[in-house]
Amino acid sequence: MKVAINGAGIGGPTLAWWLAEFGHEPVLIEEAPRLRTGGYVIDFWGVGYDVAEKMGLISEVRRLGYQVQEVRFVDAKGRTNGGFPVDVLDHLTKGRMTSLRRSDLSTALYGLVEGRVETIFGDSVAGIEERGDKVHVTFDHAAPRDFDLVVGADGLHSRVRALVFGPEEKFEKDLGYRVAAFEVEGYAPRDELVYVSHTAPGRQVSRFSMREDRTLFLFVFRDEYARAALPEDDEARKAALCRVFGDMGWECPQILAAMREAENIYFDRVSQIHMPRWTKGRTALLGDAAAAVSLLAGEGCGLAMAEAYVLAGELARTQGDHAAAFASYERRMMPFLRKKQGSAGKFAGTFAPKNAFGIATRNLFTRLLRFPPLAEWLIGRDLRDDVVLPDYGR
């Protein structure tokens, strides 16, 4: 079958690779003119790690990744007041965990299909019309084409979802936070392989030192500090972050000064997508387009890879019977993703507790994670992915 996949981030290239392995003809469509770079750092474990292993990608993921040694919370004067050594998470995941740039994972995945799968950059699906056993697809720029299936792997603000299932507001659940991220070069101090965060009521800023003398900054704040719609360009984003974080201590004045040189600042709501169905006719959704768990959940990329693997595998198992494959895909993955969304919704509050008591409680909780039996009891269930990925014979 010929399958149009809108989005070349994480789920799209994963699906394209598996579809090609099973003898189909995927076509990747990416709105950006090239693969995206920079962006935030993700934690990578669980079912996504399993799928990457099946794709022969683990050595590359480990090479690109950072084996973080410590999560550290500091007060306004830089004194440690919470955190834990990350080896406890390494123990809970049996060593099958790393952290890496989302864009680096995307590049590694795309490298597996580059030259093997047709890719259209600088374009997006603009219209979808089913015509019997085909789907007529129009694009923002390219000439219309017919496909057997269309898959939306185009993220939280999915164009395919809007075209086929309805407007975003029908499905988005805003968790009540905003998030921003950017990188700069030459920032000091550096704490190698340590994720350092400072929290004030309703706001948190974090930094992580990366290779090539670059530092990633992540800002999380509650809605009550937003006061306005999402800023649409870098200058407006910088102004918003200066307003929200301008009175905080620690290194915040220095970080905001360094932000002046930043470009392509990521800024968005912290949201989930809840849908009763991920498929309709000859169109399917995966990843954040189908069931975003939220950026703060930390596992969204791995979950998208698992969904892509199962969707391609079910199409292979049913020998192209898309209706049966879609039904099985939803049956296998939806209960698992809904449970993940529930866990992520509860976890989001630890990033920016409402008040000083919440911050102190969070810091105490993180100090308890230093003890493996307590860590197992407190977060072991959340780190285990209670779904079995089928073996589709590849």
Protein backbone atom coordinates (compact mmCIF):
# COMPACT_ATOMS: atom_id res chain seq x y z
CA MET A 1 0.00 0.00 0.00
CA LYS A 2 0.97 3.61 -0.53
CA VAL A 3 0.76 5.48 2.78
CA ALA A 4 1.04 9.25 3.30
CA ILE A 5 2.58 10.12 6.68
CA ASN A 6 2.26 13.76 7.71
CA GLY A 7 5.13 14.56 10.08
CA ALA A 8 8.80 13.53 10.09
CA GLY A 9 9.52 13.94 13.80
CA ILE A 10 9.58 10.71 15.80
CA GLY A 11 6.52 8.60 15.03
CA GLY A 12 6.57 9.39 11.30
CA PRO A 13 10.05 8.05 10.46
CA THR A 14 9.50 5.07 12.78
CA LEU A 15 6.29 4.16 10.99
CA ALA A 16 7.90 4.72 7.58
CA TRP A 17 10.75 2.34 8.43
CA TRP A 18 8.45 -0.44 9.63
CA LEU A 19 6.05 -0.02 6.71
CA ALA A 20 8.96 -0.26 4.28
CA GLU A 21 10.22 -3.36 6.11
CA PHE A 22 6.81 -4.96 5.61
CA GLY A 23 6.74 -4.15 1.88
CA HIS A 24 4.62 -0.98 1.77
CA GLU A 25 5.42 2.36 0.14
CA PRO A 26 5.36 5.16 2.73
CA VAL A 27 5.74 8.84 1.79
CA LEU A 28 6.87 11.24 4.54
CA ILE A 29 5.60 14.83 4.41
CA GLU A 30 7.24 17.41 6.68
CA GLU A 31 6.11 21.01 7.02
CA ALA A 32 9.56 22.26 8.02
CA PRO A 33 12.07 22.83 5.18
CA ARG A 34 14.49 20.38 6.83
CA LEU A 35 14.74 18.18 9.90
CA ARG A 36 14.34 20.24 13.05
CA THR A 37 17.36 20.79 15.31
CA GLY A 38 17.84 21.81 18.93
CA GLY A 39 14.82 21.49 21.21
CA TYR A 40 14.43 19.94 24.61
CA VAL A 41 16.00 16.82 26.10
CA ILE A 42 13.87 13.70 26.56
CA ASP A 43 14.27 10.68 28.79
CA PHE A 44 14.20 7.52 26.70
CA TRP A 45 13.24 4.17 28.18
CA GLY A 46 10.46 1.58 28.16
CA VAL A 47 8.64 0.48 25.03
CA GLY A 48 10.36 3.10 22.90
CA TYR A 49 13.73 1.70 23.91
CA ASP A 50 12.44 -1.78 22.97
CA VAL A 51 11.36 -0.59 19.51
CA ALA A 52 14.68 1.19 18.92
CA GLU A 53 16.41 -2.07 19.79
CA LYS A 54 14.30 -3.94 17.23
CA MET A 55 15.35 -1.32 14.66
CA GLY A 56 19.06 -1.77 15.45
CA LEU A 57 19.28 1.80 16.73
CA ILE A 58 20.32 1.40 20.36
CA SER A 59 24.05 1.89 19.87
CA GLU A 60 23.38 5.18 18.04
CA VAL A 61 20.86 6.32 20.67
CA ARG A 62 23.38 5.59 23.43
CA ARG A 63 26.09 7.44 21.52
CA LEU A 64 23.89 10.51 21.13
CA GLY A 65 22.55 10.30 24.65
CA TYR A 66 23.65 11.61 28.03
CA GLN A 67 23.88 9.29 31.02
CA VAL A 68 22.63 11.85 33.53
CA GLN A 69 24.10 11.30 36.98
CA GLU A 70 21.99 13.56 39.18
CA VAL A 71 18.77 15.56 39.36
CA ARG A 72 19.42 18.51 41.69
CA PHE A 73 17.03 21.12 43.08
CA VAL A 74 18.56 24.31 44.46
CA ASP A 75 17.28 27.31 46.40
CA ALA A 76 17.61 30.97 45.45
CA LYS A 77 21.24 30.99 46.65
CA GLY A 78 22.18 27.82 44.77
CA ARG A 79 22.18 25.52 47.79
CA THR A 80 20.95 21.97 47.20
CA ASN A 81 17.56 21.34 48.80
CA GLY A 82 16.34 18.27 46.91
CA GLY A 83 17.08 15.74 44.20
CA PHE A 84 18.44 12.26 43.73
CA PRO A 85 21.16 10.27 41.92
CA VAL A 86 19.87 9.00 38.59
CA ASP A 87 21.45 5.58 39.05
CA VAL A 88 18.29 4.67 40.97
CA LEU A 89 16.32 5.10 37.71
CA ASP A 90 19.00 3.13 35.88
CA HIS A 91 18.42 0.34 38.39
CA LEU A 92 14.63 0.46 37.99
CA THR A 93 14.91 0.31 34.18
CA LYS A 94 17.64 -2.36 34.26
CA GLY A 95 20.08 -0.03 32.51
CA ARG A 96 17.72 0.54 29.58
CA MET A 97 17.47 4.32 29.85
CA THR A 98 19.25 7.36 28.47
CA SER A 99 18.54 11.07 27.84
CA LEU A 100 18.99 12.80 24.51
CA ARG A 101 17.80 15.71 22.41
CA ARG A 102 14.47 15.01 20.79
CA SER A 103 15.90 16.32 17.52
CA ASP A 104 18.87 13.93 17.76
CA LEU A 105 16.49 10.98 18.10
CA SER A 106 14.50 12.28 15.13
CA THR A 107 17.66 12.59 13.04
CA ALA A 108 18.76 9.06 13.94
CA LEU A 109 15.36 7.66 12.98
CA TYR A 110 15.26 9.58 9.72
CA GLY A 111 18.75 8.32 8.90
CA LEU A 112 17.28 4.81 8.67
CA VAL A 113 14.84 5.80 5.91
CA GLU A 114 16.74 8.56 4.11
CA GLY A 115 17.17 7.56 0.47
CA ARG A 116 14.84 4.61 0.99
CA VAL A 117 11.54 6.44 1.55
CA GLU A 118 10.26 9.40 -0.43
CA THR A 119 10.25 12.54 1.72
CA ILE A 120 8.64 15.87 0.88
CA PHE A 121 10.04 18.75 2.98
CA GLY A 122 8.51 22.21 3.23
CA ASP A 123 4.96 20.99 2.71
CA SER A 124 1.94 19.63 4.59
CA VAL A 125 -1.29 17.79 3.95
CA ALA A 126 -3.98 20.40 3.25
CA GLY A 127 -7.01 18.27 2.32
CA ILE A 128 -8.10 14.64 2.72
CA GLU A 129 -10.98 13.12 0.75
CA GLU A 130 -11.85 9.43 0.63
CA ARG A 131 -12.76 8.21 -2.82
CA GLY A 132 -13.71 4.55 -2.65
CA ASP A 133 -10.61 2.51 -1.87
CA LYS A 134 -8.28 5.52 -2.18
CA VAL A 135 -7.65 8.76 -0.32
CA HIS A 136 -7.25 11.91 -2.41
CA VAL A 137 -4.72 14.16 -0.66
CA THR A 138 -4.02 17.78 -1.48
CA PHE A 139 -0.99 19.68 -0.21
CA ASP A 140 -0.06 23.25 0.60
CA HIS A 141 2.31 23.30 -2.37
CA ALA A 142 2.70 19.94 -4.18
CA ALA A 143 0.26 18.55 -6.70
CA PRO A 144 -2.57 16.31 -5.35
CA ARG A 145 -1.94 12.58 -5.06
CA ASP A 146 -3.89 9.43 -4.23
CA PHE A 147 -2.90 7.09 -1.38
CA ASP A 148 -4.31 3.95 0.19
CA LEU A 149 -3.97 5.35 3.73
CA VAL A 150 -3.12 8.61 5.49
CA VAL A 151 -1.44 8.80 8.90
CA GLY A 152 -1.18 11.91 11.04
CA ALA A 153 2.11 11.86 12.94
CA ASP A 154 2.15 15.65 13.06
CA GLY A 155 2.17 16.37 16.76
CA LEU A 156 0.03 18.08 19.36
CA HIS A 157 -1.35 20.60 16.85
CA SER A 158 -2.01 17.98 14.16
CA ARG A 159 -3.25 19.16 10.77
CA VAL A 160 -4.48 15.67 9.86
CA ARG A 161 -6.49 15.42 13.09
CA ALA A 162 -8.14 18.77 12.41
CA LEU A 163 -9.02 17.83 8.82
CA VAL A 164 -10.51 14.40 9.59
CA PHE A 165 -11.62 14.40 13.23
CA GLY A 166 -12.38 18.04 14.03
CA PRO A 167 -10.83 21.08 15.70
CA GLU A 168 -8.14 20.75 18.35
CA GLU A 169 -10.29 22.19 21.15
CA LYS A 170 -12.53 19.11 20.96
CA PHE A 171 -9.67 16.89 22.12
CA GLU A 172 -7.10 19.03 23.95
CA LYS A 173 -6.89 18.87 27.74
CA ASP A 174 -4.80 21.79 28.98
CA LEU A 175 -2.93 20.72 32.12
CA GLY A 176 -2.58 24.31 33.29
CA TYR A 177 1.08 24.99 32.52
CA ARG A 178 3.21 26.68 29.89
CA VAL A 179 6.65 25.50 28.87
CA ALA A 180 9.55 27.10 27.03
CA ALA A 181 13.01 25.86 26.03
CA PHE A 182 16.10 27.13 24.26
CA GLU A 183 19.84 26.53 23.97
CA VAL A 184 22.78 28.93 24.17
CA GLU A 185 26.51 28.51 23.69
CA GLY A 186 29.17 29.40 26.27
CA TYR A 187 27.02 29.62 29.38
CA ALA A 188 28.71 29.16 32.76
CA PRO A 189 28.59 27.62 35.28
CA ARG A 190 28.35 24.09 33.95
CA ASP A 191 27.43 21.01 35.97
CA GLU A 192 28.21 18.09 33.70
CA LEU A 193 25.56 15.36 33.57
CA VAL A 194 23.51 17.10 36.29
CA TYR A 195 20.01 18.43 35.67
CA VAL A 196 19.79 21.52 37.91
CA SER A 197 16.47 23.25 38.74
CA HIS A 198 15.33 26.19 40.83
CA THR A 199 11.68 26.48 41.80
CA ALA A 200 9.56 29.32 43.12
CA PRO A 201 5.79 28.96 43.69
CA GLY A 202 4.24 28.26 40.30
CA ARG A 203 7.50 28.60 38.33
CA GLN A 204 10.61 26.52 37.64
CA VAL A 205 13.74 27.06 35.54
CA SER A 206 16.23 24.28 34.79
CA ARG A 207 19.52 23.95 32.97
CA PHE A 208 21.45 21.04 31.53
CA SER A 209 24.99 21.23 30.13
CA MET A 210 25.36 19.66 26.71
CA ARG A 211 28.18 18.87 24.32
CA GLU A 212 29.97 21.56 22.28
CA ASP A 213 29.74 24.02 25.20
CA ARG A 214 25.97 24.37 24.82
CA THR A 215 23.42 24.61 27.64
CA LEU A 216 19.72 23.77 27.46
CA PHE A 217 17.25 25.78 29.55
CA LEU A 218 13.72 24.64 30.34
CA PHE A 219 11.07 26.94 31.86
CA VAL A 220 7.78 25.69 33.32
CA PHE A 221 5.13 27.95 34.82
CA ARG A 222 1.49 27.81 35.79
CA ASP A 223 -1.27 29.40 33.73
CA GLU A 224 -1.91 32.20 36.21
CA TYR A 225 1.45 33.70 35.19
CA ALA A 226 0.66 33.55 31.47
CA ARG A 227 -1.75 36.52 31.27
CA ALA A 228 -1.95 36.29 27.49
CA ALA A 229 -2.17 33.99 24.50
CA LEU A 230 0.91 32.11 23.39
CA PRO A 231 3.53 34.52 21.99
CA GLU A 232 4.05 34.00 18.27
CA ASP A 233 7.69 35.00 17.73
CA ASP A 234 11.01 34.88 19.55
CA GLU A 235 10.92 38.51 20.71
CA ALA A 236 7.47 38.08 22.24
CA ARG A 237 8.57 34.80 23.85
CA LYS A 238 11.63 36.45 25.37
CA ALA A 239 9.48 39.27 26.72
CA ALA A 240 7.03 36.80 28.26
CA LEU A 241 9.81 34.81 29.96
CA CYS A 242 11.44 37.98 31.30
CA ARG A 243 8.11 39.06 32.76
CA VAL A 244 7.38 35.69 34.40
CA PHE A 245 10.88 34.90 35.67
CA GLY A 246 12.40 38.35 36.06
CA ASP A 247 12.01 38.50 39.85
CA MET A 248 13.38 35.02 40.61
CA GLY A 249 16.69 34.38 42.31
CA TRP A 250 19.46 31.84 41.67
CA GLU A 251 20.89 32.31 38.14
CA CYS A 252 17.66 33.62 36.60
CA PRO A 253 18.98 37.15 35.79
CA GLN A 254 22.04 35.60 34.13
CA ILE A 255 19.91 33.05 32.23
CA LEU A 256 17.52 35.73 30.97
CA ALA A 257 20.50 37.83 29.85
CA ALA A 258 21.90 34.82 27.94
CA MET A 259 18.48 34.35 26.31
CA ARG A 260 19.02 37.54 24.27
CA GLU A 261 21.18 35.51 21.85
CA ALA A 262 18.75 32.58 21.62
CA GLU A 263 16.79 31.72 18.47
CA ASN A 264 13.91 29.35 17.72
CA ILE A 265 12.60 29.36 21.29
CA TYR A 266 10.13 26.54 21.93
CA PHE A 267 7.01 27.85 23.72
CA ASP A 268 3.69 26.02 24.12
CA ARG A 269 0.93 24.88 26.41
CA VAL A 270 1.40 21.69 28.40
CA SER A 271 -1.48 19.64 27.05
CA GLN A 272 -2.78 16.17 26.43
CA ILE A 273 -4.95 14.88 23.59
CA HIS A 274 -7.90 12.67 24.56
CA MET A 275 -9.84 11.00 21.75
CA PRO A 276 -12.44 8.20 21.67
CA ARG A 277 -10.93 6.90 18.41
CA TRP A 278 -7.58 7.31 16.67
CA THR A 279 -8.80 6.07 13.30
CA LYS A 280 -11.54 7.03 10.87
CA GLY A 281 -12.04 5.47 7.47
CA ARG A 282 -8.60 5.27 5.86
CA THR A 283 -6.94 7.76 8.22
CA ALA A 284 -5.09 7.01 11.46
CA LEU A 285 -3.28 9.09 14.07
CA LEU A 286 -0.28 8.24 16.21
CA GLY A 287 1.99 9.87 18.76
CA ASP A 288 1.03 13.29 20.12
CA ALA A 289 -1.56 13.69 17.37
CA ALA A 290 -3.50 10.76 18.84
CA ALA A 291 -2.75 10.74 22.55
CA ALA A 292 -0.20 13.30 23.72
CA VAL A 293 0.81 12.50 27.28
CA SER A 294 2.40 16.00 27.59
CA LEU A 295 5.97 17.20 27.30
CA LEU A 296 6.42 16.92 31.08
CA ALA A 297 5.69 13.18 31.02
CA GLY A 298 9.12 12.48 29.56
CA GLU A 299 8.14 9.39 27.55
CA GLY A 300 6.13 10.76 24.64
CA CYS A 301 8.73 9.97 21.98
CA GLY A 302 9.07 6.36 23.07
CA LEU A 303 5.30 5.91 23.15
CA ALA A 304 5.01 7.32 19.61
CA MET A 305 7.59 4.79 18.42
CA ALA A 306 5.65 1.95 20.05
CA GLU A 307 2.40 3.10 18.43
CA ALA A 308 4.12 3.29 15.04
CA TYR A 309 5.52 -0.23 15.46
CA VAL A 310 2.13 -1.69 16.38
CA LEU A 311 0.27 0.16 13.61
CA ALA A 312 2.71 -1.09 10.95
CA GLY A 313 2.75 -4.57 12.47
CA GLU A 314 -1.03 -4.86 12.49
CA LEU A 315 -1.19 -3.77 8.86
CA ALA A 316 1.30 -6.56 8.09
CA ARG A 317 -0.54 -9.12 10.24
CA THR A 318 -3.90 -8.39 8.58
CA GLN A 319 -2.32 -8.38 5.10
CA GLY A 320 -3.44 -4.84 4.40
CA ASP A 321 -6.97 -5.08 5.82
CA HIS A 322 -6.78 -1.55 7.20
CA ALA A 323 -10.09 -1.69 9.10
CA ALA A 324 -9.04 -4.80 11.03
CA ALA A 325 -5.53 -3.41 11.54
CA PHE A 326 -6.82 -0.07 12.82
CA ALA A 327 -9.19 -1.78 15.25
CA SER A 328 -6.44 -3.99 16.62
CA TYR A 329 -4.05 -1.03 16.87
CA GLU A 330 -6.54 0.89 19.02
CA ARG A 331 -7.41 -2.17 21.11
CA ARG A 332 -3.76 -2.86 21.92
CA MET A 333 -2.57 0.68 22.55
CA MET A 334 -5.42 2.90 23.76
CA PRO A 335 -5.83 1.50 27.31
CA PHE A 336 -2.06 1.69 27.82
CA LEU A 337 -1.85 5.30 26.60
CA ARG A 338 -4.81 6.37 28.72
CA LYS A 339 -3.10 4.99 31.81
CA LYS A 340 0.09 6.84 30.85
CA GLN A 341 -1.89 10.06 30.45
CA GLY A 342 -3.34 9.63 33.94
CA SER A 343 0.11 9.18 35.47
CA ALA A 344 1.53 12.12 33.54
CA GLY A 345 -1.29 14.42 34.63
CA LYS A 346 -0.48 13.74 38.30
CA PHE A 347 3.28 14.07 37.72
CA ALA A 348 3.09 17.47 35.99
CA GLY A 349 2.49 19.29 39.28
CA THR A 350 5.93 18.36 40.59
CA PHE A 351 7.55 20.73 38.07
CA ALA A 352 6.00 23.92 39.44
CA PRO A 353 4.22 23.38 42.78
CA LYS A 354 1.73 26.10 43.74
CA ASN A 355 3.31 27.19 47.00
CA ALA A 356 6.31 26.82 49.31
CA PHE A 357 4.76 23.84 51.08
CA GLY A 358 4.35 22.04 47.73
CA ILE A 359 7.97 22.75 46.82
CA ALA A 360 9.21 21.43 50.20
CA THR A 361 7.06 18.30 49.82
CA ARG A 362 8.39 17.70 46.29
CA ASN A 363 11.97 18.15 47.48
CA LEU A 364 11.45 15.68 50.35
CA PHE A 365 9.91 13.20 47.91
CA THR A 366 12.93 13.44 45.61
CA ARG A 367 15.34 12.91 48.50
CA LEU A 368 13.51 9.69 49.36
CA LEU A 369 14.30 8.41 45.85
CA ARG A 370 17.90 7.99 46.98
CA PHE A 371 16.83 4.74 48.65
CA PRO A 372 16.15 1.99 46.06
CA PRO A 373 13.35 0.20 47.98
CA LEU A 374 11.50 3.49 48.44
CA ALA A 375 12.13 4.45 44.80
CA GLU A 376 10.66 1.14 43.68
CA TRP A 377 7.59 1.71 45.84
CA LEU A 378 7.13 5.37 44.89
CA ILE A 379 7.79 5.40 41.13
CA GLY A 380 8.56 1.84 40.02
CA ARG A 381 5.09 1.32 38.56
CA ASP A 382 5.28 4.55 36.55
CA LEU A 383 8.58 3.50 34.94
CA ARG A 384 7.29 0.09 33.90
CA ASP A 385 5.34 -0.09 30.65
CA ASP A 386 2.65 -2.71 31.21
CA VAL A 387 2.06 -3.53 27.59
CA VAL A 388 3.49 -6.41 25.56
CA LEU A 389 4.67 -5.51 22.08
CA PRO A 390 3.74 -8.31 19.67
CA ASP A 391 6.33 -10.01 17.52
CA TYR A 392 5.33 -9.32 13.91
CA GLY A 393 7.98 -11.58 12.46
CA ARG A 394 10.68 -9.01 11.79
